[in-house]
Amino acid sequence: MKHYLRHAGLAVVLAVALFAPSPATYADYGRWLHAAQNDRQPKPSAQLTAKEAAARARAQYGGKVLKVMRAGDNAFKVRLLQDSGRVLTVTIRG
């Protein structure tokens, strides 16, 4: 009986040694995880001004700019009056 237990224990140790990830695998995973997290972060860009946001909204949607409101760190909500009389609010990001 002890003979079988010794072989079973040896098989378990051998399986763990063969299939356990190496320290290099953990390092690669860490680099991959860090890169994946950095990809999700917004890319830094020049700070958008209210005047630039209004100009971009007017160029893209047309009409008259009624109001420009800050909508975050680098974004503005621009309210436009279109020629049809419709009031449109759009978000312009920097």
PDB file of N, CA and C in Angstrom:
ATOM      1  N   MET A   1       0.828  -1.188   0.000  1.00  0.00           N
ATOM      2  CA  MET A   1       0.000   0.000   0.000  1.00  0.00           C
ATOM      3  C   MET A   1       0.872   1.252   0.000  1.00  0.00           C
ATOM      4  N   LYS A   2       1.922   1.287   0.795  1.00  0.00           N
ATOM      5  CA  LYS A   2       2.790   2.452   0.858  1.00  0.00           C
ATOM      6  C   LYS A   2       3.473   2.678  -0.480  1.00  0.00           C
ATOM      7  N   HIS A   3       3.726   1.604  -1.212  1.00  0.00           N
ATOM      8  CA  HIS A   3       4.367   1.689  -2.503  1.00  0.00           C
ATOM      9  C   HIS A   3       3.517   2.507  -3.476  1.00  0.00           C
ATOM     10  N   TYR A   4       2.186   2.269  -3.453  1.00  0.00           N
ATOM     11  CA  TYR A   4       1.280   3.007  -4.334  1.00  0.00           C
ATOM     12  C   TYR A   4       1.184   4.475  -3.923  1.00  0.00           C
ATOM     13  N   LEU A   5       1.168   4.741  -2.627  1.00  0.00           N
ATOM     14  CA  LEU A   5       1.085   6.121  -2.145  1.00  0.00           C
ATOM     15  C   LEU A   5       2.324   6.916  -2.551  1.00  0.00           C
ATOM     16  N   ARG A   6       3.484   6.275  -2.504  1.00  0.00           N
ATOM     17  CA  ARG A   6       4.712   6.957  -2.878  1.00  0.00           C
ATOM     18  C   ARG A   6       4.664   7.328  -4.357  1.00  0.00           C
ATOM     19  N   HIS A   7       4.164   6.439  -5.216  1.00  0.00           N
ATOM     20  CA  HIS A   7       4.065   6.726  -6.642  1.00  0.00           C
ATOM     21  C   HIS A   7       3.006   7.804  -6.909  1.00  0.00           C
ATOM     22  N   ALA A   8       1.905   7.758  -6.168  1.00  0.00           N
ATOM     23  CA  ALA A   8       0.857   8.775  -6.341  1.00  0.00           C
ATOM     24  C   ALA A   8       1.384  10.143  -5.929  1.00  0.00           C
ATOM     25  N   GLY A   9       2.113  10.188  -4.824  1.00  0.00           N
ATOM     26  CA  GLY A   9       2.703  11.457  -4.369  1.00  0.00           C
ATOM     27  C   GLY A   9       3.713  11.978  -5.368  1.00  0.00           C
ATOM     28  N   LEU A  10       4.517  11.094  -5.930  1.00  0.00           N
ATOM     29  CA  LEU A  10       5.502  11.478  -6.936  1.00  0.00           C
ATOM     30  C   LEU A  10       4.802  12.013  -8.193  1.00  0.00           C
ATOM     31  N   ALA A  11       3.694  11.388  -8.565  1.00  0.00           N
ATOM     32  CA  ALA A  11       2.943  11.827  -9.737  1.00  0.00           C
ATOM     33  C   ALA A  11       2.362  13.228  -9.516  1.00  0.00           C
ATOM     34  N   VAL A  12       1.883  13.496  -8.311  1.00  0.00           N
ATOM     35  CA  VAL A  12       1.334  14.819  -7.997  1.00  0.00           C
ATOM     36  C   VAL A  12       2.431  15.874  -8.047  1.00  0.00           C
ATOM     37  N   VAL A  13       3.574  15.589  -7.459  1.00  0.00           N
ATOM     38  CA  VAL A  13       4.691  16.537  -7.463  1.00  0.00           C
ATOM     39  C   VAL A  13       5.151  16.785  -8.892  1.00  0.00           C
ATOM     40  N   LEU A  14       5.245  15.744  -9.683  1.00  0.00           N
ATOM     41  CA  LEU A  14       5.673  15.877 -11.068  1.00  0.00           C
ATOM     42  C   LEU A  14       4.657  16.702 -11.875  1.00  0.00           C
ATOM     43  N   ALA A  15       3.373  16.469 -11.663  1.00  0.00           N
ATOM     44  CA  ALA A  15       2.333  17.218 -12.382  1.00  0.00           C
ATOM     45  C   ALA A  15       2.374  18.694 -12.014  1.00  0.00           C
ATOM     46  N   VAL A  16       2.557  18.995 -10.756  1.00  0.00           N
ATOM     47  CA  VAL A  16       2.636  20.397 -10.321  1.00  0.00           C
ATOM     48  C   VAL A  16       3.854  21.066 -10.935  1.00  0.00           C
ATOM     49  N   ALA A  17       4.979  20.365 -10.945  1.00  0.00           N
ATOM     50  CA  ALA A  17       6.203  20.943 -11.505  1.00  0.00           C
ATOM     51  C   ALA A  17       6.071  21.179 -13.009  1.00  0.00           C
ATOM     52  N   LEU A  18       5.384  20.285 -13.701  1.00  0.00           N
ATOM     53  CA  LEU A  18       5.260  20.414 -15.150  1.00  0.00           C
ATOM     54  C   LEU A  18       4.232  21.458 -15.581  1.00  0.00           C
ATOM     55  N   PHE A  19       3.122  21.545 -14.850  1.00  0.00           N
ATOM     56  CA  PHE A  19       2.025  22.393 -15.296  1.00  0.00           C
ATOM     57  C   PHE A  19       1.924  23.733 -14.567  1.00  0.00           C
ATOM     58  N   ALA A  20       2.723  23.967 -13.577  1.00  0.00           N
ATOM     59  CA  ALA A  20       2.687  25.256 -12.881  1.00  0.00           C
ATOM     60  C   ALA A  20       3.318  26.321 -13.771  1.00  0.00           C
ATOM     61  N   PRO A  21       2.715  27.501 -13.827  1.00  0.00           N
ATOM     62  CA  PRO A  21       3.292  28.563 -14.654  1.00  0.00           C
ATOM     63  C   PRO A  21       4.619  29.039 -14.069  1.00  0.00           C
ATOM     64  N   SER A  22       5.511  29.399 -14.943  1.00  0.00           N
ATOM     65  CA  SER A  22       6.815  29.863 -14.490  1.00  0.00           C
ATOM     66  C   SER A  22       6.715  31.314 -14.036  1.00  0.00           C
ATOM     67  N   PRO A  23       7.670  31.809 -13.273  1.00  0.00           N
ATOM     68  CA  PRO A  23       7.653  33.224 -12.862  1.00  0.00           C
ATOM     69  C   PRO A  23       7.638  34.162 -14.065  1.00  0.00           C
ATOM     70  N   ALA A  24       8.234  33.764 -15.179  1.00  0.00           N
ATOM     71  CA  ALA A  24       8.225  34.602 -16.374  1.00  0.00           C
ATOM     72  C   ALA A  24       6.797  34.777 -16.889  1.00  0.00           C
ATOM     73  N   THR A  25       5.962  33.750 -16.745  1.00  0.00           N
ATOM     74  CA  THR A  25       4.573  33.842 -17.184  1.00  0.00           C
ATOM     75  C   THR A  25       3.838  34.899 -16.380  1.00  0.00           C
ATOM     76  N   TYR A  26       4.089  34.952 -15.071  1.00  0.00           N
ATOM     77  CA  TYR A  26       3.456  35.963 -14.235  1.00  0.00           C
ATOM     78  C   TYR A  26       3.907  37.359 -14.636  1.00  0.00           C
ATOM     79  N   ALA A  27       5.171  37.516 -14.968  1.00  0.00           N
ATOM     80  CA  ALA A  27       5.685  38.819 -15.387  1.00  0.00           C
ATOM     81  C   ALA A  27       5.042  39.241 -16.703  1.00  0.00           C
ATOM     82  N   ASP A  28       4.909  38.305 -17.649  1.00  0.00           N
ATOM     83  CA  ASP A  28       4.263  38.618 -18.925  1.00  0.00           C
ATOM     84  C   ASP A  28       2.812  39.017 -18.708  1.00  0.00           C
ATOM     85  N   TYR A  29       2.132  38.313 -17.809  1.00  0.00           N
ATOM     86  CA  TYR A  29       0.738  38.640 -17.521  1.00  0.00           C
ATOM     87  C   TYR A  29       0.638  40.044 -16.931  1.00  0.00           C
ATOM     88  N   GLY A  30       1.567  40.388 -16.046  1.00  0.00           N
ATOM     89  CA  GLY A  30       1.569  41.720 -15.450  1.00  0.00           C
ATOM     90  C   GLY A  30       1.752  42.798 -16.503  1.00  0.00           C
ATOM     91  N   ARG A  31       2.664  42.576 -17.452  1.00  0.00           N
ATOM     92  CA  ARG A  31       2.871  43.552 -18.528  1.00  0.00           C
ATOM     93  C   ARG A  31       1.628  43.648 -19.412  1.00  0.00           C
ATOM     94  N   TRP A  32       1.014  42.506 -19.699  1.00  0.00           N
ATOM     95  CA  TRP A  32      -0.180  42.495 -20.523  1.00  0.00           C
ATOM     96  C   TRP A  32      -1.326  43.238 -19.825  1.00  0.00           C
ATOM     97  N   LEU A  33      -1.495  42.973 -18.532  1.00  0.00           N
ATOM     98  CA  LEU A  33      -2.565  43.613 -17.773  1.00  0.00           C
ATOM     99  C   LEU A  33      -2.350  45.117 -17.717  1.00  0.00           C
ATOM    100  N   HIS A  34      -1.120  45.549 -17.487  1.00  0.00           N
ATOM    101  CA  HIS A  34      -0.813  46.977 -17.422  1.00  0.00           C
ATOM    102  C   HIS A  34      -1.106  47.642 -18.767  1.00  0.00           C
ATOM    103  N   ALA A  35      -0.722  46.999 -19.858  1.00  0.00           N
ATOM    104  CA  ALA A  35      -0.973  47.551 -21.196  1.00  0.00           C
ATOM    105  C   ALA A  35      -2.472  47.628 -21.466  1.00  0.00           C
ATOM    106  N   ALA A  36      -3.221  46.609 -21.053  1.00  0.00           N
ATOM    107  CA  ALA A  36      -4.663  46.600 -21.281  1.00  0.00           C
ATOM    108  C   ALA A  36      -5.347  47.714 -20.497  1.00  0.00           C
ATOM    109  N   GLN A  37      -4.892  47.967 -19.284  1.00  0.00           N
ATOM    110  CA  GLN A  37      -5.476  49.042 -18.488  1.00  0.00           C
ATOM    111  C   GLN A  37      -5.139  50.400 -19.084  1.00  0.00           C
ATOM    112  N   ASN A  38      -3.952  50.561 -19.616  1.00  0.00           N
ATOM    113  CA  ASN A  38      -3.566  51.833 -20.218  1.00  0.00           C
ATOM    114  C   ASN A  38      -4.347  52.099 -21.492  1.00  0.00           C
ATOM    115  N   ASP A  39      -4.736  51.039 -22.222  1.00  0.00           N
ATOM    116  CA  ASP A  39      -5.508  51.222 -23.445  1.00  0.00           C
ATOM    117  C   ASP A  39      -6.895  51.771 -23.159  1.00  0.00           C
ATOM    118  N   ARG A  40      -7.428  51.479 -21.977  1.00  0.00           N
ATOM    119  CA  ARG A  40      -8.768  51.937 -21.642  1.00  0.00           C
ATOM    120  C   ARG A  40      -8.803  53.394 -21.221  1.00  0.00           C
ATOM    121  N   GLN A  41      -7.674  53.940 -20.822  1.00  0.00           N
ATOM    122  CA  GLN A  41      -7.642  55.320 -20.373  1.00  0.00           C
ATOM    123  C   GLN A  41      -7.670  56.257 -21.572  1.00  0.00           C
ATOM    124  N   PRO A  42      -8.399  57.378 -21.449  1.00  0.00           N
ATOM    125  CA  PRO A  42      -8.444  58.306 -22.571  1.00  0.00           C
ATOM    126  C   PRO A  42      -7.071  58.901 -22.845  1.00  0.00           C
ATOM    127  N   LYS A  43      -6.788  59.105 -24.096  1.00  0.00           N
ATOM    128  CA  LYS A  43      -5.513  59.685 -24.487  1.00  0.00           C
ATOM    129  C   LYS A  43      -5.514  61.173 -24.164  1.00  0.00           C
ATOM    130  N   PRO A  44      -4.417  61.674 -23.613  1.00  0.00           N
ATOM    131  CA  PRO A  44      -4.375  63.098 -23.316  1.00  0.00           C
ATOM    132  C   PRO A  44      -4.412  63.915 -24.601  1.00  0.00           C
ATOM    133  N   SER A  45      -5.168  64.982 -24.584  1.00  0.00           N
ATOM    134  CA  SER A  45      -5.249  65.853 -25.753  1.00  0.00           C
ATOM    135  C   SER A  45      -5.241  67.293 -25.265  1.00  0.00           C
ATOM    136  N   ALA A  46      -5.143  68.203 -26.203  1.00  0.00           N
ATOM    137  CA  ALA A  46      -5.141  69.612 -25.855  1.00  0.00           C
ATOM    138  C   ALA A  46      -6.479  69.979 -25.217  1.00  0.00           C
ATOM    139  N   GLN A  47      -6.451  70.900 -24.290  1.00  0.00           N
ATOM    140  CA  GLN A  47      -7.660  71.319 -23.588  1.00  0.00           C
ATOM    141  C   GLN A  47      -8.587  72.054 -24.553  1.00  0.00           C
ATOM    142  N   LEU A  48      -9.824  71.630 -24.617  1.00  0.00           N
ATOM    143  CA  LEU A  48     -10.832  72.210 -25.491  1.00  0.00           C
ATOM    144  C   LEU A  48     -11.417  73.452 -24.827  1.00  0.00           C
ATOM    145  N   THR A  49     -11.617  74.505 -25.588  1.00  0.00           N
ATOM    146  CA  THR A  49     -12.250  75.715 -25.054  1.00  0.00           C
ATOM    147  C   THR A  49     -13.708  75.750 -25.488  1.00  0.00           C
ATOM    148  N   ALA A  50     -14.494  76.578 -24.807  1.00  0.00           N
ATOM    149  CA  ALA A  50     -15.906  76.716 -25.137  1.00  0.00           C
ATOM    150  C   ALA A  50     -16.080  77.264 -26.560  1.00  0.00           C
ATOM    151  N   LYS A  51     -15.216  78.177 -26.933  1.00  0.00           N
ATOM    152  CA  LYS A  51     -15.299  78.767 -28.276  1.00  0.00           C
ATOM    153  C   LYS A  51     -15.016  77.722 -29.354  1.00  0.00           C
ATOM    154  N   GLU A  52     -14.007  76.862 -29.121  1.00  0.00           N
ATOM    155  CA  GLU A  52     -13.688  75.792 -30.078  1.00  0.00           C
ATOM    156  C   GLU A  52     -14.831  74.787 -30.162  1.00  0.00           C
ATOM    157  N   ALA A  53     -15.425  74.442 -29.011  1.00  0.00           N
ATOM    158  CA  ALA A  53     -16.538  73.493 -28.990  1.00  0.00           C
ATOM    159  C   ALA A  53     -17.723  74.042 -29.774  1.00  0.00           C
ATOM    160  N   ALA A  54     -18.014  75.329 -29.594  1.00  0.00           N
ATOM    161  CA  ALA A  54     -19.120  75.954 -30.321  1.00  0.00           C
ATOM    162  C   ALA A  54     -18.849  75.932 -31.822  1.00  0.00           C
ATOM    163  N   ALA A  55     -17.626  76.233 -32.222  1.00  0.00           N
ATOM    164  CA  ALA A  55     -17.280  76.248 -33.649  1.00  0.00           C
ATOM    165  C   ALA A  55     -17.392  74.851 -34.256  1.00  0.00           C
ATOM    166  N   ARG A  56     -16.923  73.837 -33.535  1.00  0.00           N
ATOM    167  CA  ARG A  56     -17.003  72.470 -34.040  1.00  0.00           C
ATOM    168  C   ARG A  56     -18.450  72.002 -34.158  1.00  0.00           C
ATOM    169  N   ALA A  57     -19.281  72.336 -33.156  1.00  0.00           N
ATOM    170  CA  ALA A  57     -20.686  71.932 -33.183  1.00  0.00           C
ATOM    171  C   ALA A  57     -21.411  72.618 -34.338  1.00  0.00           C
ATOM    172  N   ARG A  58     -21.150  73.901 -34.512  1.00  0.00           N
ATOM    173  CA  ARG A  58     -21.808  74.646 -35.603  1.00  0.00           C
ATOM    174  C   ARG A  58     -21.378  74.108 -36.962  1.00  0.00           C
ATOM    175  N   ALA A  59     -20.102  73.771 -37.101  1.00  0.00           N
ATOM    176  CA  ALA A  59     -19.602  73.234 -38.371  1.00  0.00           C
ATOM    177  C   ALA A  59     -20.210  71.866 -38.677  1.00  0.00           C
ATOM    178  N   GLN A  60     -20.398  71.066 -37.641  1.00  0.00           N
ATOM    179  CA  GLN A  60     -20.889  69.706 -37.853  1.00  0.00           C
ATOM    180  C   GLN A  60     -22.410  69.639 -38.011  1.00  0.00           C
ATOM    181  N   TYR A  61     -23.143  70.454 -37.239  1.00  0.00           N
ATOM    182  CA  TYR A  61     -24.603  70.335 -37.217  1.00  0.00           C
ATOM    183  C   TYR A  61     -25.325  71.536 -37.829  1.00  0.00           C
ATOM    184  N   GLY A  62     -24.649  72.658 -37.986  1.00  0.00           N
ATOM    185  CA  GLY A  62     -25.273  73.858 -38.534  1.00  0.00           C
ATOM    186  C   GLY A  62     -26.154  74.543 -37.510  1.00  0.00           C
ATOM    187  N   GLY A  63     -26.659  75.698 -37.875  1.00  0.00           N
ATOM    188  CA  GLY A  63     -27.547  76.437 -36.986  1.00  0.00           C
ATOM    189  C   GLY A  63     -26.816  77.480 -36.178  1.00  0.00           C
ATOM    190  N   LYS A  64     -27.548  78.037 -35.195  1.00  0.00           N
ATOM    191  CA  LYS A  64     -27.032  79.110 -34.346  1.00  0.00           C
ATOM    192  C   LYS A  64     -26.754  78.554 -32.951  1.00  0.00           C
ATOM    193  N   VAL A  65     -25.614  78.896 -32.392  1.00  0.00           N
ATOM    194  CA  VAL A  65     -25.254  78.439 -31.052  1.00  0.00           C
ATOM    195  C   VAL A  65     -26.030  79.262 -30.030  1.00  0.00           C
ATOM    196  N   LEU A  66     -26.795  78.568 -29.181  1.00  0.00           N
ATOM    197  CA  LEU A  66     -27.569  79.237 -28.135  1.00  0.00           C
ATOM    198  C   LEU A  66     -26.829  79.277 -26.814  1.00  0.00           C
ATOM    199  N   LYS A  67     -26.166  78.162 -26.479  1.00  0.00           N
ATOM    200  CA  LYS A  67     -25.544  78.063 -25.165  1.00  0.00           C
ATOM    201  C   LYS A  67     -24.440  77.022 -25.208  1.00  0.00           C
ATOM    202  N   VAL A  68     -23.363  77.255 -24.437  1.00  0.00           N
ATOM    203  CA  VAL A  68     -22.269  76.292 -24.304  1.00  0.00           C
ATOM    204  C   VAL A  68     -22.082  76.024 -22.817  1.00  0.00           C
ATOM    205  N   MET A  69     -22.149  74.739 -22.422  1.00  0.00           N
ATOM    206  CA  MET A  69     -22.021  74.358 -21.007  1.00  0.00           C
ATOM    207  C   MET A  69     -20.914  73.315 -20.867  1.00  0.00           C
ATOM    208  N   ARG A  70     -20.136  73.410 -19.806  1.00  0.00           N
ATOM    209  CA  ARG A  70     -19.099  72.413 -19.552  1.00  0.00           C
ATOM    210  C   ARG A  70     -19.762  71.087 -19.188  1.00  0.00           C
ATOM    211  N   ALA A  71     -19.207  69.985 -19.734  1.00  0.00           N
ATOM    212  CA  ALA A  71     -19.785  68.654 -19.494  1.00  0.00           C
ATOM    213  C   ALA A  71     -18.701  67.665 -19.094  1.00  0.00           C
ATOM    214  N   GLY A  72     -17.716  68.105 -18.363  1.00  0.00           N
ATOM    215  CA  GLY A  72     -16.632  67.220 -17.937  1.00  0.00           C
ATOM    216  C   GLY A  72     -15.298  67.935 -18.061  1.00  0.00           C
ATOM    217  N   ASP A  73     -14.221  67.153 -17.895  1.00  0.00           N
ATOM    218  CA  ASP A  73     -12.885  67.740 -17.921  1.00  0.00           C
ATOM    219  C   ASP A  73     -12.548  68.369 -19.263  1.00  0.00           C
ATOM    220  N   ASN A  74     -12.876  67.685 -20.331  1.00  0.00           N
ATOM    221  CA  ASN A  74     -12.488  68.174 -21.650  1.00  0.00           C
ATOM    222  C   ASN A  74     -13.647  68.006 -22.631  1.00  0.00           C
ATOM    223  N   ALA A  75     -14.854  68.385 -22.179  1.00  0.00           N
ATOM    224  CA  ALA A  75     -16.046  68.249 -23.020  1.00  0.00           C
ATOM    225  C   ALA A  75     -17.016  69.385 -22.725  1.00  0.00           C
ATOM    226  N   PHE A  76     -17.822  69.698 -23.738  1.00  0.00           N
ATOM    227  CA  PHE A  76     -18.840  70.734 -23.600  1.00  0.00           C
ATOM    228  C   PHE A  76     -20.128  70.246 -24.227  1.00  0.00           C
ATOM    229  N   LYS A  77     -21.257  70.690 -23.665  1.00  0.00           N
ATOM    230  CA  LYS A  77     -22.559  70.490 -24.295  1.00  0.00           C
ATOM    231  C   LYS A  77     -22.883  71.805 -24.985  1.00  0.00           C
ATOM    232  N   VAL A  78     -23.234  71.699 -26.254  1.00  0.00           N
ATOM    233  CA  VAL A  78     -23.537  72.889 -27.052  1.00  0.00           C
ATOM    234  C   VAL A  78     -24.992  72.802 -27.491  1.00  0.00           C
ATOM    235  N   ARG A  79     -25.759  73.849 -27.191  1.00  0.00           N
ATOM    236  CA  ARG A  79     -27.161  73.900 -27.593  1.00  0.00           C
ATOM    237  C   ARG A  79     -27.258  74.752 -28.852  1.00  0.00           C
ATOM    238  N   LEU A  80     -27.858  74.150 -29.891  1.00  0.00           N
ATOM    239  CA  LEU A  80     -27.960  74.799 -31.199  1.00  0.00           C
ATOM    240  C   LEU A  80     -29.418  74.988 -31.593  1.00  0.00           C
ATOM    241  N   LEU A  81     -29.706  76.092 -32.275  1.00  0.00           N
ATOM    242  CA  LEU A  81     -31.014  76.315 -32.882  1.00  0.00           C
ATOM    243  C   LEU A  81     -30.830  76.107 -34.374  1.00  0.00           C
ATOM    244  N   GLN A  82     -31.441  75.059 -34.901  1.00  0.00           N
ATOM    245  CA  GLN A  82     -31.294  74.765 -36.318  1.00  0.00           C
ATOM    246  C   GLN A  82     -32.273  75.597 -37.140  1.00  0.00           C
ATOM    247  N   ASP A  83     -32.028  75.667 -38.435  1.00  0.00           N
ATOM    248  CA  ASP A  83     -32.864  76.470 -39.341  1.00  0.00           C
ATOM    249  C   ASP A  83     -34.323  76.013 -39.321  1.00  0.00           C
ATOM    250  N   SER A  84     -34.551  74.732 -39.030  1.00  0.00           N
ATOM    251  CA  SER A  84     -35.911  74.189 -38.993  1.00  0.00           C
ATOM    252  C   SER A  84     -36.655  74.594 -37.722  1.00  0.00           C
ATOM    253  N   GLY A  85     -35.971  75.237 -36.760  1.00  0.00           N
ATOM    254  CA  GLY A  85     -36.584  75.628 -35.500  1.00  0.00           C
ATOM    255  C   GLY A  85     -36.339  74.626 -34.387  1.00  0.00           C
ATOM    256  N   ARG A  86     -35.730  73.533 -34.717  1.00  0.00           N
ATOM    257  CA  ARG A  86     -35.451  72.476 -33.742  1.00  0.00           C
ATOM    258  C   ARG A  86     -34.258  72.872 -32.879  1.00  0.00           C
ATOM    259  N   VAL A  87     -34.351  72.642 -31.576  1.00  0.00           N
ATOM    260  CA  VAL A  87     -33.232  72.892 -30.659  1.00  0.00           C
ATOM    261  C   VAL A  87     -32.526  71.557 -30.421  1.00  0.00           C
ATOM    262  N   LEU A  88     -31.219  71.559 -30.642  1.00  0.00           N
ATOM    263  CA  LEU A  88     -30.423  70.341 -30.572  1.00  0.00           C
ATOM    264  C   LEU A  88     -29.294  70.561 -29.558  1.00  0.00           C
ATOM    265  N   THR A  89     -29.096  69.604 -28.662  1.00  0.00           N
ATOM    266  CA  THR A  89     -27.986  69.673 -27.709  1.00  0.00           C
ATOM    267  C   THR A  89     -27.027  68.544 -28.040  1.00  0.00           C
ATOM    268  N   VAL A  90     -25.764  68.890 -28.287  1.00  0.00           N
ATOM    269  CA  VAL A  90     -24.748  67.896 -28.652  1.00  0.00           C
ATOM    270  C   VAL A  90     -23.569  68.012 -27.685  1.00  0.00           C
ATOM    271  N   THR A  91     -22.865  66.910 -27.493  1.00  0.00           N
ATOM    272  CA  THR A  91     -21.664  66.899 -26.661  1.00  0.00           C
ATOM    273  C   THR A  91     -20.443  66.885 -27.566  1.00  0.00           C
ATOM    274  N   ILE A  92     -19.542  67.815 -27.324  1.00  0.00           N
ATOM    275  CA  ILE A  92     -18.302  67.915 -28.082  1.00  0.00           C
ATOM    276  C   ILE A  92     -17.161  67.625 -27.117  1.00  0.00           C
ATOM    277  N   ARG A  93     -16.364  66.619 -27.455  1.00  0.00           N
ATOM    278  CA  ARG A  93     -15.226  66.225 -26.607  1.00  0.00           C
ATOM    279  C   ARG A  93     -13.923  66.674 -27.248  1.00  0.00           C
ATOM    280  N   GLY A  94     -12.955  67.010 -26.380  1.00  0.00           N
ATOM    281  CA  GLY A  94     -11.651  67.472 -26.860  1.00  0.00           C
ATOM    282  C   GLY A  94     -10.725  66.398 -27.272  1.00  0.00           C
TER     283      GLY A  94
END
